């Protein structure tokens, strides 16, 4: 089995693959203060409950693939693979790892590993041209050319960041539940804020994607728009441009990159 780990700024998503099929997944908070030993205990607790794996750490794991937007966590996970999974092939996505996706930006090292991994999966699943919209701590829009190249992207504040900012900066506002209001026109402060977040972000997605598609392809209709990320389901029903929803896009990309790099070893 292949263990895939996607470390984001807010959450870490883990997936367990049996061949091409994801058979289990977990979502935990990202804590940059956790040590390698704490992470190992956490992994043992999660995977020890799975019937396809043994009770000892590493039982049943044949490979590990990791990408992280948090350097300190990547450092500790590197130590986890060395100390606790020493005999298991591990691929950590960083400069030098073969992804198969050319990066056509000014400084490829600036692009988050998860965004490249998403592009790998998008090309494999849907081909190009494509736009990946990832609803995470930030809302990112990544463009993939018809030839499978990473062409660049857009970064906007994420949904939760915007909710938090309203609660902090608005004297009479507070943090609210991310839920669908009864109507677009809110009848109270909470519903008005929920409406602004939901329909505001849906409008942002439609506007940004439409403009990106015009630059990406001669015919914007040829562009496949893929949504992923933990908050994607909130916006899916209100956006008019999203074609596909793949919640495990990053994990699938990690599996593909692992296979490409291990086969070269």
Protein backbone atom coordinates (compact mmCIF):
# COMPACT_ATOMS: atom_id res chain seq x y z
CA UNK A 1 0.00 0.00 0.00
CA UNK A 2 1.07 3.57 -0.70
CA UNK A 3 0.70 6.24 2.00
CA UNK A 4 0.27 9.75 0.59
CA UNK A 5 0.54 12.86 2.78
CA UNK A 6 -0.48 16.36 1.67
CA UNK A 7 0.51 18.98 4.26
CA UNK A 8 -1.36 22.26 3.88
CA UNK A 9 -1.16 25.38 5.99
CA UNK A 10 -4.35 24.52 7.90
CA UNK A 11 -4.98 20.80 7.39
CA UNK A 12 -3.00 17.72 6.51
CA UNK A 13 -4.73 15.11 4.36
CA UNK A 14 -3.53 11.51 4.29
CA UNK A 15 -4.59 8.87 1.80
CA UNK A 16 -3.96 5.16 1.56
CA UNK A 17 -3.80 3.66 -1.93
CA UNK A 18 -4.19 0.04 -2.94
CA UNK A 19 -2.94 0.27 -6.52
CA UNK A 20 -4.85 3.12 -8.14
CA UNK A 21 -7.70 3.01 -5.63
CA UNK A 22 -7.81 5.17 -2.54
CA UNK A 23 -9.09 2.88 0.21
CA UNK A 24 -8.82 5.17 3.24
CA UNK A 25 -8.26 8.81 4.02
CA UNK A 26 -7.81 11.04 7.06
CA UNK A 27 -7.79 14.81 7.69
CA UNK A 28 -5.94 16.29 10.67
CA UNK A 29 -4.89 19.80 11.68
CA UNK A 30 -1.45 20.96 10.59
CA UNK A 31 0.72 21.86 13.58
CA UNK A 32 4.22 23.07 12.78
CA UNK A 33 5.22 22.39 16.40
CA UNK A 34 4.79 18.61 16.16
CA UNK A 35 8.03 16.66 16.31
CA UNK A 36 8.88 13.62 14.20
CA UNK A 37 8.12 11.35 17.17
CA UNK A 38 4.71 12.96 17.71
CA UNK A 39 3.90 12.58 14.02
CA UNK A 40 4.92 8.91 14.14
CA UNK A 41 2.58 8.29 17.08
CA UNK A 42 -0.23 10.07 15.24
CA UNK A 43 0.33 7.98 12.11
CA UNK A 44 0.37 4.79 14.15
CA UNK A 45 -2.91 5.73 15.82
CA UNK A 46 -4.64 6.42 12.52
CA UNK A 47 -3.34 3.48 10.51
CA UNK A 48 -3.47 1.00 13.37
CA UNK A 49 -7.25 1.12 13.12
CA UNK A 50 -7.32 0.10 9.46
CA UNK A 51 -8.10 -3.59 8.84
CA UNK A 52 -5.72 -3.86 5.88
CA UNK A 53 -2.71 -2.74 7.92
CA UNK A 54 -0.87 -4.36 10.82
CA UNK A 55 -0.72 -2.99 14.33
CA UNK A 56 2.98 -2.09 14.16
CA UNK A 57 4.03 1.17 12.54
CA UNK A 58 4.89 0.53 8.90
CA UNK A 59 3.11 -2.82 8.58
CA UNK A 60 1.51 -3.02 5.14
CA UNK A 61 3.04 0.25 3.87
CA UNK A 62 5.07 -0.30 0.70
CA UNK A 63 5.75 3.33 -0.17
CA UNK A 64 5.30 6.91 1.00
CA UNK A 65 4.76 10.13 -1.00
CA UNK A 66 4.74 13.53 0.70
CA UNK A 67 4.27 17.14 -0.32
CA UNK A 68 4.16 20.07 2.08
CA UNK A 69 3.63 23.82 1.98
CA UNK A 70 5.02 24.06 5.54
CA UNK A 71 8.83 23.61 5.53
CA UNK A 72 9.10 22.73 9.23
CA UNK A 73 6.57 19.93 8.88
CA UNK A 74 8.35 18.61 5.79
CA UNK A 75 11.57 18.49 7.81
CA UNK A 76 9.92 16.46 10.57
CA UNK A 77 8.22 14.11 8.11
CA UNK A 78 11.58 13.50 6.48
CA UNK A 79 12.80 12.39 9.89
CA UNK A 80 9.73 10.17 10.31
CA UNK A 81 10.48 8.36 7.06
CA UNK A 82 14.12 7.91 8.06
CA UNK A 83 13.57 6.69 11.63
CA UNK A 84 10.30 4.79 11.41
CA UNK A 85 10.01 3.76 7.74
CA UNK A 86 13.66 3.26 6.91
CA UNK A 87 13.05 0.28 4.62
CA UNK A 88 10.10 1.87 2.79
CA UNK A 89 10.74 3.86 -0.45
CA UNK A 90 9.77 7.50 0.15
CA UNK A 91 9.32 10.38 -2.29
CA UNK A 92 9.25 13.91 -0.86
CA UNK A 93 8.20 16.46 -3.45
CA UNK A 94 10.88 19.14 -3.65
CA UNK A 95 13.24 20.55 -6.30
CA UNK A 96 14.79 17.70 -8.26
CA UNK A 97 11.80 15.38 -8.09
CA UNK A 98 10.52 14.33 -11.52
CA UNK A 99 6.88 15.28 -11.99
CA UNK A 100 6.55 15.18 -15.77
CA UNK A 101 5.04 18.67 -15.79
CA UNK A 102 7.23 21.52 -17.17
CA UNK A 103 6.88 24.66 -15.01
CA UNK A 104 6.65 27.78 -17.19
CA UNK A 105 6.98 30.54 -14.58
CA UNK A 106 9.70 33.05 -13.71
CA UNK A 107 10.93 31.09 -10.68
CA UNK A 108 9.69 27.48 -10.54
CA UNK A 109 10.91 27.13 -6.93
CA UNK A 110 8.29 29.68 -5.83
CA UNK A 111 5.38 27.46 -6.85
CA UNK A 112 3.89 25.43 -4.00
CA UNK A 113 4.49 21.70 -4.30
CA UNK A 114 0.78 20.98 -3.93
CA UNK A 115 -0.03 23.16 -6.93
CA UNK A 116 2.37 21.26 -9.15
CA UNK A 117 1.06 17.94 -7.85
CA UNK A 118 -2.51 19.06 -8.60
CA UNK A 119 -1.42 19.84 -12.15
CA UNK A 120 0.13 16.38 -12.51
CA UNK A 121 -3.17 14.78 -11.52
CA UNK A 122 -5.23 17.12 -13.70
CA UNK A 123 -3.21 16.24 -16.80
CA UNK A 124 -3.46 12.52 -16.07
CA UNK A 125 -7.20 12.54 -15.34
CA UNK A 126 -8.53 15.16 -17.73
CA UNK A 127 -5.75 16.30 -20.05
CA UNK A 128 -5.10 19.92 -20.96
CA UNK A 129 -5.90 22.70 -21.15
CA UNK A 130 -7.23 22.77 -17.60
CA UNK A 131 -7.65 25.04 -14.60
CA UNK A 132 -7.46 23.65 -11.06
CA UNK A 133 -9.28 25.60 -8.36
CA UNK A 134 -8.09 24.53 -4.91
CA UNK A 135 -10.19 25.76 -1.99
CA UNK A 136 -7.78 25.72 0.94
CA UNK A 137 -6.21 28.28 3.26
CA UNK A 138 -5.81 30.30 0.07
CA UNK A 139 -7.97 29.82 -3.00
CA UNK A 140 -5.54 29.01 -5.79
CA UNK A 141 -6.20 28.86 -9.52
CA UNK A 142 -3.62 26.93 -11.56
CA UNK A 143 -3.45 26.83 -15.33
CA UNK A 144 -2.31 23.78 -17.29
CA UNK A 145 -1.67 24.17 -21.01
CA UNK A 146 -2.86 21.86 -23.76
CA UNK A 147 0.65 20.32 -23.75
CA UNK A 148 0.50 19.54 -20.05
CA UNK A 149 2.68 22.45 -18.90
CA UNK A 150 2.15 24.42 -15.71
CA UNK A 151 1.49 27.89 -17.12
CA UNK A 152 1.04 29.90 -13.92
CA UNK A 153 -1.84 30.81 -11.67
CA UNK A 154 -3.72 33.10 -9.34
CA UNK A 155 -3.70 33.25 -5.53
CA UNK A 156 -6.60 34.76 -3.58
CA UNK A 157 -7.50 34.79 0.12
CA UNK A 158 -9.28 31.61 1.16
CA UNK A 159 -12.82 31.36 2.45
CA UNK A 160 -11.87 30.78 6.09
CA UNK A 161 -9.31 33.60 6.01
CA UNK A 162 -12.03 35.97 4.80
CA UNK A 163 -14.45 34.84 7.51
CA UNK A 164 -11.79 35.32 10.18
CA UNK A 165 -10.90 38.78 8.85
CA UNK A 166 -14.52 39.91 8.98
CA UNK A 167 -14.80 38.75 12.57
CA UNK A 168 -11.58 40.48 13.62
CA UNK A 169 -11.90 43.76 11.73
CA UNK A 170 -15.67 44.28 11.94
CA UNK A 171 -16.60 45.86 15.27
CA UNK A 172 -20.15 44.46 15.18
CA UNK A 173 -19.33 41.28 13.28
CA UNK A 174 -18.24 37.87 14.56
CA UNK A 175 -16.96 34.60 13.23
CA UNK A 176 -19.78 32.63 11.66
CA UNK A 177 -20.50 29.09 10.56
CA UNK A 178 -19.76 28.45 6.91
CA UNK A 179 -23.26 27.46 5.83
CA UNK A 180 -25.74 28.27 3.07
CA UNK A 181 -28.12 31.12 4.02
CA UNK A 182 -31.87 30.91 3.44
CA UNK A 183 -31.65 33.46 0.65
CA UNK A 184 -29.17 35.75 -1.07
CA UNK A 185 -30.66 38.76 0.72
CA UNK A 186 -29.82 38.11 4.35
CA UNK A 187 -32.47 38.79 6.99
CA UNK A 188 -29.92 39.09 9.79
CA UNK A 189 -26.20 39.79 10.18
CA UNK A 190 -25.14 36.14 10.17
CA UNK A 191 -27.09 35.32 7.01
CA UNK A 192 -25.83 38.49 5.33
CA UNK A 193 -22.25 37.44 6.05
CA UNK A 194 -22.90 33.87 4.90
CA UNK A 195 -24.41 35.18 1.68
CA UNK A 196 -21.46 37.48 1.06
CA UNK A 197 -18.98 34.66 1.57
CA UNK A 198 -20.81 32.00 -0.46
CA UNK A 199 -21.99 34.05 -3.42
CA UNK A 200 -19.00 36.37 -3.31
CA UNK A 201 -16.57 33.49 -3.66
CA UNK A 202 -18.70 31.78 -6.32
CA UNK A 203 -18.62 35.02 -8.31
CA UNK A 204 -14.87 35.30 -7.78
CA UNK A 205 -14.33 31.78 -9.08
CA UNK A 206 -16.47 32.38 -12.16
CA UNK A 207 -14.78 35.71 -12.92
CA UNK A 208 -11.19 34.57 -12.44
CA UNK A 209 -11.65 31.27 -14.29
CA UNK A 210 -13.37 32.97 -17.23
CA UNK A 211 -10.48 35.40 -17.62
CA UNK A 212 -7.85 32.67 -17.24
CA UNK A 213 -9.56 30.46 -19.82
CA UNK A 214 -9.47 33.27 -22.39
CA UNK A 215 -5.69 33.49 -22.00
CA UNK A 216 -5.13 29.75 -21.80
CA UNK A 217 -6.93 28.52 -24.93
CA UNK A 218 -8.14 29.85 -28.27
CA UNK A 219 -11.53 28.39 -27.37
CA UNK A 220 -12.24 28.80 -23.62
CA UNK A 221 -14.80 26.00 -23.88
CA UNK A 222 -11.91 23.57 -24.35
CA UNK A 223 -10.65 24.24 -20.82
CA UNK A 224 -11.63 21.73 -18.13
CA UNK A 225 -12.12 23.32 -14.71
CA UNK A 226 -11.46 21.04 -11.75
CA UNK A 227 -12.33 21.89 -8.15
CA UNK A 228 -10.57 20.37 -5.16
CA UNK A 229 -9.84 21.22 -1.53
CA UNK A 230 -11.79 20.85 1.68
CA UNK A 231 -14.08 23.84 1.11
CA UNK A 232 -14.90 23.09 -2.55
CA UNK A 233 -18.33 21.52 -1.83
CA UNK A 234 -19.53 24.82 -0.40
CA UNK A 235 -19.08 26.64 -3.73
CA UNK A 236 -19.76 23.85 -6.24
CA UNK A 237 -23.49 24.39 -6.51
CA UNK A 238 -23.16 28.14 -7.06
CA UNK A 239 -20.33 28.29 -9.60
CA UNK A 240 -21.20 28.07 -13.28
CA UNK A 241 -17.70 27.22 -14.54
CA UNK A 242 -16.63 24.13 -12.59
CA UNK A 243 -16.74 20.95 -14.68
CA UNK A 244 -15.28 18.36 -12.31
CA UNK A 245 -14.93 17.88 -8.57
CA UNK A 246 -12.05 15.66 -7.44
CA UNK A 247 -11.54 15.87 -3.64
CA UNK A 248 -8.44 13.65 -3.75
CA UNK A 249 -6.69 15.40 -6.63
CA UNK A 250 -3.49 16.12 -4.65
CA UNK A 251 -3.31 12.59 -3.28
CA UNK A 252 -3.76 11.16 -6.77
CA UNK A 253 -0.98 13.44 -8.00
CA UNK A 254 1.28 12.21 -5.20
CA UNK A 255 0.62 8.62 -6.26
CA UNK A 256 1.55 9.45 -9.86
CA UNK A 257 4.75 11.27 -8.86
CA UNK A 258 5.74 8.41 -6.56
CA UNK A 259 5.30 5.90 -9.37
CA UNK A 260 7.35 8.02 -11.78
CA UNK A 261 10.23 8.48 -9.38
CA UNK A 262 10.37 5.00 -7.91
CA UNK A 263 10.33 3.44 -11.37
CA UNK A 264 13.44 5.50 -12.18
CA UNK A 265 15.32 4.23 -9.14
